[in-house]
Amino acid sequence: MTYEEFWPRYLAGHADRRTRALHYLATAGALACIPAAAITADWGWLIAAPVVGYGPAWLAHAAFERNRPETFSHPIWSLLSDFRMLGLFLAGRIGGELRRAGVER
C-alpha cells in the first residue's frame, strides 16, 4: 500500500466528526507539550506528549468509530496523517478532502 492509498482509508476511519474533533485537540495538545518541555525544562512533558496525543484519539475510535486506530498497522503514516488532517482542518479544507475520499457528502 502506498501513502496515496492509505490516506483515503485513514479518512474513512475518521468519518465521525467527533472523532476528528478529538484528534485535532489531541494532536494540538501533543504539539503543545514540546515547547512546554523546553520552556519549563521539565522533560516529563515529552513523556506526556504521546499520552496527550494518542489517549483521546484512541478513545474516540472506541467510542464513536468502533474501529481499530490505523496507528497499530501504519504508525508513521498515521502520525503524518494526524498532522495533515489537523492542517487541513485549520486551513478550512478538510471538508473537500473528506468528500474526495467519499467520507462526506
N, C-alpha and C. Protein backbone atom coordinates (compact mmCIF):
# COMPACT_ATOMS: atom_id res chain seq x y z
N MET A 1 0.85 -1.18 0.00
CA MET A 1 0.00 0.00 0.00
C MET A 1 0.89 1.24 0.00
N THR A 2 0.54 2.19 -0.83
CA THR A 2 1.25 3.47 -0.86
C THR A 2 0.55 4.45 0.09
N TYR A 3 1.22 5.57 0.36
CA TYR A 3 0.58 6.56 1.21
C TYR A 3 -0.66 7.13 0.52
N GLU A 4 -0.61 7.27 -0.79
CA GLU A 4 -1.77 7.77 -1.53
C GLU A 4 -2.97 6.84 -1.38
N GLU A 5 -2.72 5.56 -1.24
CA GLU A 5 -3.80 4.59 -1.00
C GLU A 5 -4.24 4.62 0.48
N PHE A 6 -3.30 4.89 1.35
CA PHE A 6 -3.58 4.91 2.78
C PHE A 6 -4.45 6.10 3.18
N TRP A 7 -4.19 7.26 2.62
CA TRP A 7 -4.86 8.48 3.04
C TRP A 7 -6.39 8.39 3.00
N PRO A 8 -7.03 7.93 1.93
CA PRO A 8 -8.49 7.79 1.96
C PRO A 8 -8.96 6.79 3.01
N ARG A 9 -8.18 5.75 3.21
CA ARG A 9 -8.51 4.75 4.25
C ARG A 9 -8.44 5.40 5.63
N TYR A 10 -7.43 6.22 5.84
CA TYR A 10 -7.30 6.94 7.11
C TYR A 10 -8.51 7.84 7.33
N LEU A 11 -8.89 8.61 6.30
CA LEU A 11 -10.05 9.49 6.43
C LEU A 11 -11.33 8.71 6.70
N ALA A 12 -11.49 7.57 6.04
CA ALA A 12 -12.68 6.75 6.26
C ALA A 12 -12.74 6.26 7.71
N GLY A 13 -11.59 6.04 8.31
CA GLY A 13 -11.53 5.61 9.70
C GLY A 13 -11.82 6.74 10.68
N HIS A 14 -12.00 7.96 10.14
CA HIS A 14 -12.28 9.15 10.96
C HIS A 14 -13.53 9.84 10.43
N ALA A 15 -14.52 9.05 10.07
CA ALA A 15 -15.74 9.58 9.46
C ALA A 15 -16.57 10.42 10.42
N ASP A 16 -16.60 10.07 11.67
CA ASP A 16 -17.40 10.79 12.66
C ASP A 16 -16.68 12.09 13.04
N ARG A 17 -17.38 13.19 12.92
CA ARG A 17 -16.74 14.48 13.21
C ARG A 17 -16.28 14.59 14.66
N ARG A 18 -16.90 13.85 15.57
CA ARG A 18 -16.44 13.86 16.97
C ARG A 18 -15.06 13.22 17.08
N THR A 19 -14.83 12.19 16.29
CA THR A 19 -13.51 11.56 16.27
C THR A 19 -12.48 12.55 15.77
N ARG A 20 -12.82 13.21 14.67
CA ARG A 20 -11.88 14.20 14.13
C ARG A 20 -11.63 15.32 15.14
N ALA A 21 -12.68 15.79 15.81
CA ALA A 21 -12.52 16.86 16.80
C ALA A 21 -11.57 16.44 17.92
N LEU A 22 -11.73 15.23 18.42
CA LEU A 22 -10.82 14.76 19.47
C LEU A 22 -9.40 14.61 18.94
N HIS A 23 -9.27 14.19 17.68
CA HIS A 23 -7.94 14.09 17.07
C HIS A 23 -7.29 15.48 16.98
N TYR A 24 -8.06 16.48 16.56
CA TYR A 24 -7.50 17.83 16.45
C TYR A 24 -6.99 18.30 17.81
N LEU A 25 -7.82 18.13 18.83
CA LEU A 25 -7.42 18.56 20.18
C LEU A 25 -6.22 17.78 20.69
N ALA A 26 -6.23 16.47 20.45
CA ALA A 26 -5.14 15.63 20.93
C ALA A 26 -3.82 15.96 20.23
N THR A 27 -3.88 16.14 18.92
CA THR A 27 -2.67 16.46 18.16
C THR A 27 -2.13 17.82 18.57
N ALA A 28 -3.00 18.81 18.71
CA ALA A 28 -2.57 20.14 19.15
C ALA A 28 -1.99 20.07 20.57
N GLY A 29 -2.64 19.30 21.43
CA GLY A 29 -2.14 19.15 22.79
C GLY A 29 -0.77 18.50 22.84
N ALA A 30 -0.58 17.48 22.02
CA ALA A 30 0.73 16.82 21.98
C ALA A 30 1.80 17.77 21.47
N LEU A 31 1.45 18.55 20.45
CA LEU A 31 2.41 19.54 19.93
C LEU A 31 2.73 20.60 20.98
N ALA A 32 1.76 20.98 21.79
CA ALA A 32 1.98 21.98 22.84
C ALA A 32 2.91 21.45 23.94
N CYS A 33 2.98 20.16 24.10
CA CYS A 33 3.86 19.59 25.12
C CYS A 33 5.34 19.83 24.79
N ILE A 34 5.67 19.97 23.53
CA ILE A 34 7.08 20.13 23.14
C ILE A 34 7.63 21.47 23.61
N PRO A 35 6.98 22.61 23.29
CA PRO A 35 7.52 23.87 23.85
C PRO A 35 7.39 23.93 25.37
N ALA A 36 6.37 23.27 25.92
CA ALA A 36 6.24 23.26 27.39
C ALA A 36 7.47 22.61 28.01
N ALA A 37 7.96 21.55 27.39
CA ALA A 37 9.18 20.89 27.90
C ALA A 37 10.37 21.83 27.83
N ALA A 38 10.49 22.54 26.72
CA ALA A 38 11.63 23.45 26.56
C ALA A 38 11.54 24.65 27.50
N ILE A 39 10.35 25.21 27.64
CA ILE A 39 10.18 26.41 28.47
C ILE A 39 10.38 26.10 29.95
N THR A 40 9.84 24.97 30.40
CA THR A 40 9.92 24.64 31.82
C THR A 40 11.14 23.81 32.19
N ALA A 41 11.84 23.32 31.16
CA ALA A 41 12.97 22.39 31.37
C ALA A 41 12.52 21.16 32.13
N ASP A 42 11.26 20.84 31.99
CA ASP A 42 10.70 19.63 32.60
C ASP A 42 10.43 18.64 31.47
N TRP A 43 11.30 17.68 31.33
CA TRP A 43 11.23 16.76 30.19
C TRP A 43 10.11 15.74 30.34
N GLY A 44 9.41 15.80 31.46
CA GLY A 44 8.22 14.97 31.63
C GLY A 44 7.15 15.31 30.60
N TRP A 45 7.19 16.57 30.11
CA TRP A 45 6.26 16.96 29.05
C TRP A 45 6.45 16.12 27.79
N LEU A 46 7.68 15.71 27.53
CA LEU A 46 7.93 14.87 26.35
C LEU A 46 7.34 13.48 26.52
N ILE A 47 7.31 13.01 27.75
CA ILE A 47 6.67 11.73 28.03
C ILE A 47 5.15 11.88 27.92
N ALA A 48 4.65 13.05 28.34
CA ALA A 48 3.22 13.30 28.28
C ALA A 48 2.71 13.45 26.85
N ALA A 49 3.55 13.91 25.93
CA ALA A 49 3.11 14.20 24.56
C ALA A 49 2.40 13.03 23.89
N PRO A 50 2.96 11.82 23.87
CA PRO A 50 2.23 10.73 23.22
C PRO A 50 0.95 10.34 23.96
N VAL A 51 0.94 10.48 25.28
CA VAL A 51 -0.27 10.17 26.05
C VAL A 51 -1.37 11.17 25.70
N VAL A 52 -1.00 12.44 25.67
CA VAL A 52 -1.96 13.50 25.31
C VAL A 52 -2.42 13.33 23.87
N GLY A 53 -1.51 12.94 22.99
CA GLY A 53 -1.84 12.81 21.58
C GLY A 53 -2.65 11.59 21.23
N TYR A 54 -2.33 10.47 21.85
CA TYR A 54 -3.00 9.23 21.46
C TYR A 54 -4.18 8.86 22.35
N GLY A 55 -4.14 9.22 23.61
CA GLY A 55 -5.22 8.84 24.53
C GLY A 55 -6.60 9.24 24.04
N PRO A 56 -6.86 10.54 23.85
CA PRO A 56 -8.19 10.95 23.39
C PRO A 56 -8.52 10.42 21.99
N ALA A 57 -7.51 10.34 21.14
CA ALA A 57 -7.76 9.84 19.77
C ALA A 57 -8.20 8.38 19.80
N TRP A 58 -7.52 7.57 20.56
CA TRP A 58 -7.90 6.15 20.63
C TRP A 58 -9.25 5.98 21.31
N LEU A 59 -9.53 6.81 22.30
CA LEU A 59 -10.84 6.78 22.95
C LEU A 59 -11.94 7.08 21.93
N ALA A 60 -11.70 8.05 21.07
CA ALA A 60 -12.68 8.40 20.04
C ALA A 60 -12.93 7.22 19.10
N HIS A 61 -11.89 6.49 18.75
CA HIS A 61 -12.08 5.33 17.88
C HIS A 61 -12.95 4.28 18.56
N ALA A 62 -12.73 4.09 19.85
CA ALA A 62 -13.53 3.11 20.59
C ALA A 62 -14.97 3.57 20.77
N ALA A 63 -15.15 4.84 21.09
CA ALA A 63 -16.48 5.34 21.42
C ALA A 63 -17.34 5.68 20.21
N PHE A 64 -16.75 6.26 19.18
CA PHE A 64 -17.54 6.77 18.07
C PHE A 64 -17.40 5.96 16.79
N GLU A 65 -16.20 5.58 16.44
CA GLU A 65 -15.98 4.86 15.18
C GLU A 65 -16.16 3.35 15.32
N ARG A 66 -15.87 2.86 16.50
CA ARG A 66 -15.90 1.42 16.75
C ARG A 66 -14.96 0.68 15.79
N ASN A 67 -13.76 1.27 15.63
CA ASN A 67 -12.76 0.65 14.77
C ASN A 67 -11.40 0.68 15.45
N ARG A 68 -10.46 0.03 14.82
CA ARG A 68 -9.10 -0.05 15.34
C ARG A 68 -8.30 1.10 14.75
N PRO A 69 -7.63 1.91 15.58
CA PRO A 69 -6.84 3.01 15.04
C PRO A 69 -5.77 2.53 14.06
N GLU A 70 -5.57 3.30 13.02
CA GLU A 70 -4.56 2.97 12.00
C GLU A 70 -3.14 3.00 12.58
N THR A 71 -2.97 3.61 13.73
CA THR A 71 -1.66 3.67 14.39
C THR A 71 -1.05 2.28 14.55
N PHE A 72 -1.89 1.29 14.78
CA PHE A 72 -1.39 -0.05 15.04
C PHE A 72 -0.89 -0.76 13.79
N SER A 73 -1.42 -0.40 12.62
CA SER A 73 -0.98 -1.06 11.40
C SER A 73 -0.01 -0.21 10.58
N HIS A 74 -0.13 1.11 10.67
CA HIS A 74 0.73 2.03 9.92
C HIS A 74 1.10 3.22 10.81
N PRO A 75 1.98 3.03 11.79
CA PRO A 75 2.23 4.08 12.78
C PRO A 75 2.78 5.39 12.21
N ILE A 76 3.71 5.33 11.28
CA ILE A 76 4.30 6.55 10.75
C ILE A 76 3.30 7.29 9.86
N TRP A 77 2.66 6.57 8.95
CA TRP A 77 1.67 7.19 8.07
C TRP A 77 0.50 7.74 8.88
N SER A 78 0.13 7.05 9.93
CA SER A 78 -0.96 7.52 10.78
C SER A 78 -0.58 8.83 11.47
N LEU A 79 0.63 8.90 11.99
CA LEU A 79 1.09 10.12 12.65
C LEU A 79 1.14 11.28 11.65
N LEU A 80 1.71 11.04 10.48
CA LEU A 80 1.74 12.07 9.44
C LEU A 80 0.33 12.50 9.05
N SER A 81 -0.58 11.55 8.99
CA SER A 81 -1.96 11.85 8.63
C SER A 81 -2.68 12.64 9.72
N ASP A 82 -2.32 12.41 10.99
CA ASP A 82 -2.88 13.22 12.07
C ASP A 82 -2.52 14.69 11.85
N PHE A 83 -1.25 14.94 11.53
CA PHE A 83 -0.80 16.32 11.28
C PHE A 83 -1.46 16.88 10.02
N ARG A 84 -1.55 16.06 8.98
CA ARG A 84 -2.17 16.50 7.73
C ARG A 84 -3.64 16.86 7.96
N MET A 85 -4.36 16.00 8.67
CA MET A 85 -5.78 16.25 8.93
C MET A 85 -5.95 17.53 9.75
N LEU A 86 -5.12 17.73 10.77
CA LEU A 86 -5.19 18.95 11.56
C LEU A 86 -4.91 20.18 10.69
N GLY A 87 -3.89 20.10 9.85
CA GLY A 87 -3.55 21.21 8.97
C GLY A 87 -4.69 21.54 8.02
N LEU A 88 -5.30 20.52 7.44
CA LEU A 88 -6.43 20.74 6.54
C LEU A 88 -7.61 21.36 7.29
N PHE A 89 -7.85 20.92 8.50
CA PHE A 89 -8.92 21.49 9.31
C PHE A 89 -8.65 22.98 9.58
N LEU A 90 -7.43 23.29 10.01
CA LEU A 90 -7.09 24.68 10.33
C LEU A 90 -7.16 25.57 9.09
N ALA A 91 -6.87 25.00 7.92
CA ALA A 91 -6.93 25.75 6.67
C ALA A 91 -8.35 25.81 6.10
N GLY A 92 -9.30 25.11 6.74
CA GLY A 92 -10.68 25.10 6.26
C GLY A 92 -10.88 24.24 5.02
N ARG A 93 -10.00 23.26 4.83
CA ARG A 93 -10.05 22.43 3.62
C ARG A 93 -10.37 20.96 3.89
N ILE A 94 -10.67 20.60 5.13
CA ILE A 94 -10.90 19.19 5.44
C ILE A 94 -12.17 18.67 4.77
N GLY A 95 -13.20 19.50 4.64
CA GLY A 95 -14.46 19.06 4.03
C GLY A 95 -14.27 18.56 2.61
N GLY A 96 -13.53 19.30 1.82
CA GLY A 96 -13.26 18.89 0.44
C GLY A 96 -12.48 17.60 0.37
N GLU A 97 -11.54 17.46 1.27
CA GLU A 97 -10.72 16.24 1.30
C GLU A 97 -11.58 15.03 1.67
N LEU A 98 -12.49 15.22 2.62
CA LEU A 98 -13.40 14.14 3.02
C LEU A 98 -14.33 13.77 1.86
N ARG A 99 -14.82 14.77 1.15
CA ARG A 99 -15.70 14.49 0.01
C ARG A 99 -14.95 13.72 -1.08
N ARG A 100 -13.71 14.13 -1.37
CA ARG A 100 -12.92 13.43 -2.39
C ARG A 100 -12.68 11.97 -2.00
N ALA A 101 -12.57 11.72 -0.70
CA ALA A 101 -12.33 10.36 -0.22
C ALA A 101 -13.63 9.58 -0.08
N GLY A 102 -14.77 10.24 -0.35
CA GLY A 102 -16.07 9.57 -0.25
C GLY A 102 -16.54 9.41 1.17
N VAL A 103 -16.02 10.19 2.09
CA VAL A 103 -16.38 10.07 3.50
C VAL A 103 -17.58 10.94 3.84
N GLU A 104 -17.66 12.13 3.27
CA GLU A 104 -18.78 13.05 3.50
C GLU A 104 -19.42 13.41 2.18
N ARG A 105 -20.72 13.65 2.24
CA ARG A 105 -21.44 14.08 1.03
C ARG A 105 -21.15 15.52 0.70
